[in-house]
C-alpha atoms as a PDB file:
ATOM      1  CA  MET A   1       1.074   1.313  28.063  1.00  0.00           C
ATOM      2  CA  ASP A   2       1.275   0.894  24.377  1.00  0.00           C
ATOM      3  CA  GLU A   3       3.748   2.961  22.336  1.00  0.00           C
ATOM      4  CA  HIS A   4       2.532   3.740  18.891  1.00  0.00           C
ATOM      5  CA  ILE A   5       4.426   5.126  15.825  1.00  0.00           C
ATOM      6  CA  ILE A   6       2.398   6.822  13.211  1.00  0.00           C
ATOM      7  CA  ASP A   7       3.043   6.953   9.278  1.00  0.00           C
ATOM      8  CA  CYS A   8       2.465   9.983   7.269  1.00  0.00           C
ATOM      9  CA  CYS A   9      -0.992   9.424   5.728  1.00  0.00           C
ATOM     10  CA  SER A  10      -2.392   8.091   9.309  1.00  0.00           C
ATOM     11  CA  LEU A  11      -0.918  11.396  10.924  1.00  0.00           C
ATOM     12  CA  LEU A  12      -2.716  13.478   8.098  1.00  0.00           C
ATOM     13  CA  ASN A  13      -5.890  11.538   8.454  1.00  0.00           C
ATOM     14  CA  LEU A  14      -6.144  12.311  12.191  1.00  0.00           C
ATOM     15  CA  TYR A  15      -4.794  15.939  12.063  1.00  0.00           C
ATOM     16  CA  THR A  16      -7.544  16.787   9.368  1.00  0.00           C
ATOM     17  CA  GLY A  17     -10.140  14.964  10.993  1.00  0.00           C
ATOM     18  CA  TRP A  18      -9.448  16.612  14.577  1.00  0.00           C
ATOM     19  CA  GLY A  19      -8.175  19.766  13.453  1.00  0.00           C
ATOM     20  CA  GLY A  20      -4.665  19.221  15.204  1.00  0.00           C
ATOM     21  CA  LEU A  21      -3.813  16.054  17.177  1.00  0.00           C
ATOM     22  CA  ALA A  22      -4.592  17.373  20.960  1.00  0.00           C
ATOM     23  CA  ASP A  23      -7.344  14.511  20.886  1.00  0.00           C
ATOM     24  CA  LEU A  24      -4.337  11.911  20.762  1.00  0.00           C
ATOM     25  CA  ARG A  25      -3.784  12.675  24.548  1.00  0.00           C
ATOM     26  CA  GLU A  26      -7.028  11.350  25.465  1.00  0.00           C
ATOM     27  CA  LEU A  27      -5.845   7.934  24.299  1.00  0.00           C
ATOM     28  CA  ARG A  28      -3.064   7.880  26.889  1.00  0.00           C
ATOM     29  CA  TRP A  29      -0.581   6.181  24.798  1.00  0.00           C
ATOM     30  CA  THR A  30       2.860   7.138  23.771  1.00  0.00           C
ATOM     31  CA  TRP A  31       2.829   8.459  20.067  1.00  0.00           C
ATOM     32  CA  TYR A  32       6.011   8.536  18.113  1.00  0.00           C
ATOM     33  CA  VAL A  33       6.635   9.792  14.529  1.00  0.00           C
ATOM     34  CA  CYS A  34       9.759   8.881  12.669  1.00  0.00           C
ATOM     35  CA  GLU A  35      12.337  11.426  10.965  1.00  0.00           C
ATOM     36  CA  ALA A  36      11.115  10.704   7.368  1.00  0.00           C
ATOM     37  CA  VAL A  37       7.405  11.667   8.420  1.00  0.00           C
ATOM     38  CA  LEU A  38       8.820  14.834   9.989  1.00  0.00           C
ATOM     39  CA  ASN A  39      10.223  15.599   6.353  1.00  0.00           C
ATOM     40  CA  GLU A  40       7.250  14.292   4.472  1.00  0.00           C
ATOM     41  CA  ALA A  41       4.446  15.955   6.242  1.00  0.00           C
ATOM     42  CA  GLU A  42       4.999  19.610   5.571  1.00  0.00           C
ATOM     43  CA  TYR A  43       1.360  20.680   4.624  1.00  0.00           C
ATOM     44  CA  THR A  44      -2.252  19.560   5.539  1.00  0.00           C
ATOM     45  CA  ARG A  45      -5.386  20.779   4.364  1.00  0.00           C
ATOM     46  CA  GLU A  46      -8.214  22.974   6.047  1.00  0.00           C
ATOM     47  CA  TYR A  47     -11.335  24.724   5.076  1.00  0.00           C
ATOM     48  CA  GLY A  48     -11.031  27.957   4.110  1.00  0.00           C
ATOM     49  CA  ALA A  49     -13.492  30.864   5.002  1.00  0.00           C
ATOM     50  CA  ASP A  50     -15.243  30.162   1.738  1.00  0.00           C
ATOM     51  CA  GLY A  51     -15.533  26.425   2.546  1.00  0.00           C
ATOM     52  CA  VAL A  52     -12.799  25.415  -0.143  1.00  0.00           C
ATOM     53  CA  PRO A  53      -9.913  23.314   1.198  1.00  0.00           C
ATOM     54  CA  VAL A  54      -6.462  25.029   1.176  1.00  0.00           C
ATOM     55  CA  LEU A  55      -3.164  24.094   1.897  1.00  0.00           C
ATOM     56  CA  ILE A  56      -1.639  25.079   5.262  1.00  0.00           C
ATOM     57  CA  PRO A  57       1.794  24.587   6.897  1.00  0.00           C
ATOM     58  CA  LEU A  58       1.872  21.415   9.179  1.00  0.00           C
ATOM     59  CA  ASP A  59       4.247  22.197  12.176  1.00  0.00           C
ATOM     60  CA  ILE A  60       5.060  18.591  13.497  1.00  0.00           C
ATOM     61  CA  ARG A  61       8.021  19.992  15.220  1.00  0.00           C
ATOM     62  CA  GLY A  62       5.650  22.245  17.398  1.00  0.00           C
ATOM     63  CA  LEU A  63       3.619  18.956  18.162  1.00  0.00           C
ATOM     64  CA  ILE A  64       6.764  17.431  19.322  1.00  0.00           C
ATOM     65  CA  GLN A  65       7.890  20.218  21.492  1.00  0.00           C
ATOM     66  CA  SER A  66       4.266  20.311  22.900  1.00  0.00           C
ATOM     67  CA  GLY A  67       4.648  16.629  23.910  1.00  0.00           C
ATOM     68  CA  ILE A  68       1.794  15.279  21.861  1.00  0.00           C
ATOM     69  CA  LEU A  69       4.386  13.443  19.709  1.00  0.00           C
ATOM     70  CA  HIS A  70       8.084  12.085  20.167  1.00  0.00           C
ATOM     71  CA  SER A  71      10.530  11.841  17.410  1.00  0.00           C
ATOM     72  CA  ALA A  72      12.056   8.474  16.699  1.00  0.00           C
ATOM     73  CA  ARG A  73      14.761   7.582  14.012  1.00  0.00           C
ATOM     74  CA  PRO A  74      16.363   4.191  13.115  1.00  0.00           C
ATOM     75  CA  GLU A  75      19.414   3.922  15.253  1.00  0.00           C
ATOM     76  CA  THR A  76      20.572   0.478  15.462  1.00  0.00           C
ATOM     77  CA  LYS A  77      22.193  -1.436  12.706  1.00  0.00           C
ATOM     78  CA  ALA A  78      19.159  -3.850  12.650  1.00  0.00           C
ATOM     79  CA  GLU A  79      16.908  -0.840  12.340  1.00  0.00           C
ATOM     80  CA  ILE A  80      18.746   0.762   9.565  1.00  0.00           C
ATOM     81  CA  ASP A  81      19.031  -2.352   7.502  1.00  0.00           C
ATOM     82  CA  ASP A  82      15.248  -2.937   7.810  1.00  0.00           C
ATOM     83  CA  TYR A  83      14.613   0.602   6.950  1.00  0.00           C
ATOM     84  CA  VAL A  84      16.433   0.354   3.694  1.00  0.00           C
ATOM     85  CA  SER A  85      14.885  -3.115   3.100  1.00  0.00           C
ATOM     86  CA  PHE A  86      11.539  -1.893   3.516  1.00  0.00           C
ATOM     87  CA  ALA A  87      12.183   1.372   1.689  1.00  0.00           C
ATOM     88  CA  CYS A  88      12.183  -0.873  -1.708  1.00  0.00           C
ATOM     89  CA  GLU A  89       8.649  -1.688  -1.113  1.00  0.00           C
ATOM     90  CA  VAL A  90       6.942   1.431   0.561  1.00  0.00           C
ATOM     91  CA  ASP A  91       7.643   5.116   0.971  1.00  0.00           C
ATOM     92  CA  ASP A  92      10.421   6.194   3.453  1.00  0.00           C
ATOM     93  CA  GLY A  93       7.978   7.301   6.123  1.00  0.00           C
ATOM     94  CA  GLU A  94       6.281   3.851   6.272  1.00  0.00           C
ATOM     95  CA  ALA A  95       9.712   2.062   5.946  1.00  0.00           C
ATOM     96  CA  GLN A  96      11.123   3.962   9.006  1.00  0.00           C
ATOM     97  CA  ALA A  97       8.073   3.493  10.887  1.00  0.00           C
ATOM     98  CA  LEU A  98       8.007  -0.325  10.059  1.00  0.00           C
ATOM     99  CA  ALA A  99      11.465  -0.706  11.057  1.00  0.00           C
ATOM    100  CA  ILE A 100      11.349   1.115  14.286  1.00  0.00           C
ATOM    101  CA  ALA A 101       7.981  -0.690  15.246  1.00  0.00           C
ATOM    102  CA  LYS A 102       9.707  -3.963  14.570  1.00  0.00           C
ATOM    103  CA  HIS A 103      12.732  -3.524  16.932  1.00  0.00           C
ATOM    104  CA  ARG A 104      11.162  -1.474  19.640  1.00  0.00           C
ATOM    105  CA  GLY A 105       7.750  -3.375  19.911  1.00  0.00           C
ATOM    106  CA  PHE A 106       5.752  -0.409  18.977  1.00  0.00           C
ATOM    107  CA  VAL A 107       2.136  -0.467  17.304  1.00  0.00           C
ATOM    108  CA  LEU A 108       2.293   0.968  13.754  1.00  0.00           C
ATOM    109  CA  LEU A 109      -0.649   3.275  13.069  1.00  0.00           C
ATOM    110  CA  THR A 110      -0.966   2.934   9.242  1.00  0.00           C
ATOM    111  CA  ASP A 111      -3.635   3.197   6.620  1.00  0.00           C
ATOM    112  CA  ASP A 112      -1.158   2.002   3.908  1.00  0.00           C
ATOM    113  CA  ARG A 113      -2.085  -1.675   2.534  1.00  0.00           C
ATOM    114  CA  LYS A 114       1.490  -2.372   1.540  1.00  0.00           C
ATOM    115  CA  ALA A 115       2.749  -1.322   4.919  1.00  0.00           C
ATOM    116  CA  ALA A 116       0.179  -3.322   6.797  1.00  0.00           C
ATOM    117  CA  ARG A 117       0.939  -6.373   4.512  1.00  0.00           C
ATOM    118  CA  ILE A 118       4.758  -6.115   5.406  1.00  0.00           C
ATOM    119  CA  ALA A 119       4.045  -5.525   9.070  1.00  0.00           C
ATOM    120  CA  GLN A 120       1.821  -8.889   9.093  1.00  0.00           C
ATOM    121  CA  ARG A 121       4.680 -11.078   7.495  1.00  0.00           C
ATOM    122  CA  PRO A 122       6.034 -13.472  10.064  1.00  0.00           C
ATOM    123  CA  ASP A 123       9.461 -12.010   9.623  1.00  0.00           C
ATOM    124  CA  VAL A 124       8.289  -8.794  10.727  1.00  0.00           C
ATOM    125  CA  ALA A 125       5.477  -9.431  13.022  1.00  0.00           C
ATOM    126  CA  VAL A 126       4.343  -5.879  13.861  1.00  0.00           C
ATOM    127  CA  ARG A 127       1.162  -5.028  15.521  1.00  0.00           C
ATOM    128  CA  ILE A 128      -0.986  -2.527  13.455  1.00  0.00           C
ATOM    129  CA  THR A 129      -3.829  -0.306  13.813  1.00  0.00           C
ATOM    130  CA  SER A 130      -5.650   2.110  11.738  1.00  0.00           C
ATOM    131  CA  THR A 131      -7.165   5.457  11.571  1.00  0.00           C
ATOM    132  CA  ALA A 132     -10.570   4.037  12.083  1.00  0.00           C
ATOM    133  CA  LYS A 133      -9.492   1.798  14.996  1.00  0.00           C
ATOM    134  CA  ILE A 134      -8.106   4.781  16.727  1.00  0.00           C
ATOM    135  CA  LEU A 135     -11.277   6.833  16.202  1.00  0.00           C
ATOM    136  CA  GLN A 136     -13.206   3.852  17.432  1.00  0.00           C
ATOM    137  CA  ALA A 137     -11.129   3.754  20.704  1.00  0.00           C
ATOM    138  CA  TRP A 138     -11.368   7.542  20.856  1.00  0.00           C
ATOM    139  CA  ALA A 139     -15.130   7.779  20.345  1.00  0.00           C
ATOM    140  CA  GLN A 140     -15.705   5.091  23.364  1.00  0.00           C
ATOM    141  CA  LEU A 141     -13.770   7.238  25.754  1.00  0.00           C
ATOM    142  CA  ASP A 142     -16.582   9.934  25.958  1.00  0.00           C
ATOM    143  CA  THR A 143     -19.871  10.589  24.597  1.00  0.00           C
ATOM    144  CA  GLY A 144     -18.660  13.897  23.409  1.00  0.00           C
ATOM    145  CA  ASN A 145     -16.216  12.194  21.277  1.00  0.00           C
ATOM    146  CA  GLU A 146     -19.036   9.923  19.644  1.00  0.00           C
ATOM    147  CA  VAL A 147     -21.158  13.054  19.193  1.00  0.00           C
ATOM    148  CA  ARG A 148     -18.247  14.657  17.234  1.00  0.00           C
ATOM    149  CA  LEU A 149     -17.424  11.465  15.156  1.00  0.00           C
ATOM    150  CA  ARG A 150     -19.556  12.156  12.103  1.00  0.00           C
ATOM    151  CA  GLU A 151     -17.734  15.603  11.767  1.00  0.00           C
ATOM    152  CA  VAL A 152     -14.319  13.971  12.195  1.00  0.00           C
ATOM    153  CA  ILE A 153     -14.749  11.235   9.693  1.00  0.00           C
ATOM    154  CA  THR A 154     -16.412  13.960   7.276  1.00  0.00           C
ATOM    155  CA  ARG A 155     -13.362  16.253   7.703  1.00  0.00           C
ATOM    156  CA  ILE A 156     -10.828  13.244   6.871  1.00  0.00           C
ATOM    157  CA  ALA A 157     -12.902  12.247   3.795  1.00  0.00           C
ATOM    158  CA  GLY A 158     -13.088  15.861   2.614  1.00  0.00           C
ATOM    159  CA  LEU A 159      -9.553  17.302   3.597  1.00  0.00           C
ATOM    160  CA  ALA A 160      -7.316  14.094   3.588  1.00  0.00           C
ATOM    161  CA  ARG A 161      -9.381  12.284   1.043  1.00  0.00           C
ATOM    162  CA  PHE A 162      -9.220   9.186   2.986  1.00  0.00           C
ATOM    163  CA  SER A 163     -11.883   6.358   3.557  1.00  0.00           C
ATOM    164  CA  PRO A 164     -10.977   2.555   4.585  1.00  0.00           C
ATOM    165  CA  SER A 165     -10.814   0.280   1.424  1.00  0.00           C
ATOM    166  CA  MET A 166     -14.177  -1.696   0.508  1.00  0.00           C
ATOM    167  CA  ASP A 167     -12.475  -4.819   1.761  1.00  0.00           C
ATOM    168  CA  SER A 168     -11.381  -3.369   5.176  1.00  0.00           C
ATOM    169  CA  PRO A 169     -13.297  -4.810   8.192  1.00  0.00           C
ATOM    170  CA  ASP A 170     -13.917  -0.919   9.219  1.00  0.00           C
ATOM    171  CA  CYS A 171     -15.488   0.105   5.902  1.00  0.00           C
ATOM    172  CA  GLU A 172     -19.121  -0.451   7.191  1.00  0.00           C
ATOM    173  CA  TRP A 173     -18.413   1.228  10.317  1.00  0.00           C
ATOM    174  CA  TRP A 174     -16.784   4.165   8.645  1.00  0.00           C
ATOM    175  CA  ARG A 175     -19.721   4.503   6.002  1.00  0.00           C
ATOM    176  CA  ARG A 176     -22.412   4.640   9.012  1.00  0.00           C
ATOM    177  CA  TYR A 177     -20.648   7.739  10.310  1.00  0.00           C
ATOM    178  CA  SER A 178     -19.822   9.318   6.983  1.00  0.00           C
ATOM    179  CA  GLN A 179     -23.346   9.284   5.601  1.00  0.00           C
ATOM    180  CA  GLY A 180     -25.676  12.322   6.454  1.00  0.00           C
END
């Protein structure tokens, strides 16, 4: 069973797309969120009654209490040292997630290009995945998920303001589902 750690942006992407994170359970992997992300992810966006996006509080601690997510923080000297080193290049959430993924063998779920480049360096060697890859895996689990995919991607684009970069291998796949 793969253990994954989610950075802040990817967490917000999935949360806005699905309207929560309950769908993560379908993937049957263990999902972690680091302490820095707990402090960063205070709000998300949702459509109000008038169809206009509004900020709403995000209760990540509630998601941890529900068992959907597990909390992680740098504990060893090596994790802390790498966290500090990575924090010179990326935000705290990505830096902590990278350090934990490196030392615990977790897969890093990130859509941050800098974090992905760091993860792929030989001295870091962290396996990565992305919002698009997670949605592809989720869609393959059930035909109902595939039917919802256009709505989920539209919500991510509208609420989280995310789409893969033009040079991403998932860009064309994403565009197929995001166009009406």
